[in-house]
Amino acid sequence: MIAAVCLVLGLAAVLFVGRLLAGPSLADRVLALDGLIVCAISALVARAVESGDGSFLPVAVVFTLVGFIGTAVIARFIEAQGR
């Protein structure tokens, strides 16, 4: 089951990288980076479930917070450009 999860997450990551490279706007690229962060967090959580070791979970929380703060900062930058 974990192999199927990793396969789906890998496919999603490849598609997000495609959007990152082809995205015509900064907002598209930010969404692609958010998707990659979600894929990384999901892979960490899947690994924690597989191994039964919860030591990866604080790392997932830190990645989540960094992703959220980064998205908020870039959103403010995009909003300021529109003025």
Protein backbone atom coordinates (compact mmCIF):
# COMPACT_ATOMS: atom_id res chain seq x y z
CA MET A 1 0.00 0.00 0.00
CA ILE A 2 2.85 2.39 0.81
CA ALA A 3 4.32 1.70 -2.63
CA ALA A 4 1.10 2.88 -4.26
CA VAL A 5 1.14 6.03 -2.13
CA CYS A 6 4.74 6.73 -3.14
CA LEU A 7 3.88 6.14 -6.79
CA VAL A 8 0.97 8.59 -6.70
CA LEU A 9 3.02 11.18 -4.79
CA GLY A 10 5.86 10.83 -7.29
CA LEU A 11 3.48 11.35 -10.19
CA ALA A 12 1.97 14.39 -8.49
CA ALA A 13 5.46 15.80 -7.85
CA VAL A 14 6.40 15.38 -11.51
CA LEU A 15 3.23 17.18 -12.58
CA PHE A 16 3.91 19.99 -10.09
CA VAL A 17 7.45 20.37 -11.44
CA GLY A 18 5.95 20.64 -14.93
CA ARG A 19 3.65 23.42 -13.72
CA LEU A 20 6.61 25.08 -11.99
CA LEU A 21 8.60 25.16 -15.21
CA ALA A 22 5.74 26.04 -17.56
CA GLY A 23 3.73 28.37 -15.33
CA PRO A 24 3.31 31.68 -17.10
CA SER A 25 2.75 33.69 -13.93
CA LEU A 26 4.33 33.92 -10.51
CA ALA A 27 1.10 32.74 -8.89
CA ASP A 28 1.21 29.50 -10.94
CA ARG A 29 4.76 28.88 -9.79
CA VAL A 30 3.86 29.53 -6.16
CA LEU A 31 1.00 27.04 -6.36
CA ALA A 32 3.35 24.49 -7.90
CA LEU A 33 5.82 24.97 -5.04
CA ASP A 34 2.99 24.57 -2.54
CA GLY A 35 2.02 21.34 -4.24
CA LEU A 36 5.60 20.08 -4.05
CA ILE A 37 5.71 20.92 -0.35
CA VAL A 38 2.47 19.01 0.19
CA CYS A 39 3.93 16.03 -1.68
CA ALA A 40 7.06 16.12 0.49
CA ILE A 41 5.01 16.34 3.69
CA SER A 42 2.78 13.49 2.56
CA ALA A 43 5.82 11.35 1.78
CA LEU A 44 7.23 12.04 5.25
CA VAL A 45 3.95 11.10 6.89
CA ALA A 46 3.65 7.94 4.77
CA ARG A 47 7.17 6.99 5.80
CA ALA A 48 6.29 7.60 9.46
CA VAL A 49 3.20 5.39 9.12
CA GLU A 50 5.19 2.66 7.39
CA SER A 51 7.99 2.59 9.93
CA GLY A 52 5.81 3.21 12.98
CA ASP A 53 8.27 5.88 14.06
CA GLY A 54 6.81 9.28 14.88
CA SER A 55 10.12 11.14 14.78
CA PHE A 56 9.37 12.40 11.25
CA LEU A 57 6.18 14.15 12.29
CA PRO A 58 7.79 17.28 13.84
CA VAL A 59 9.72 17.71 10.59
CA ALA A 60 6.42 17.57 8.69
CA VAL A 61 4.98 20.25 10.97
CA VAL A 62 8.01 22.49 10.37
CA PHE A 63 7.73 22.00 6.60
CA THR A 64 4.05 22.91 6.82
CA LEU A 65 4.77 26.11 8.72
CA VAL A 66 7.59 27.13 6.38
CA GLY A 67 5.38 26.48 3.36
CA PHE A 68 2.54 28.53 4.81
CA ILE A 69 4.76 31.47 5.75
CA GLY A 70 6.48 31.40 2.37
CA THR A 71 3.15 31.40 0.56
CA ALA A 72 1.88 34.29 2.65
CA VAL A 73 5.00 36.34 1.96
CA ILE A 74 4.84 35.73 -1.78
CA ALA A 75 1.11 36.50 -1.83
CA ARG A 76 1.79 39.87 -0.22
CA PHE A 77 4.54 40.49 -2.79
CA ILE A 78 2.17 39.68 -5.67
CA GLU A 79 -0.51 41.90 -4.16
CA ALA A 80 1.95 44.80 -3.80
CA GLN A 81 2.95 44.48 -7.46
CA GLY A 82 -0.63 45.13 -8.53
CA ARG A 83 -0.67 48.61 -6.99
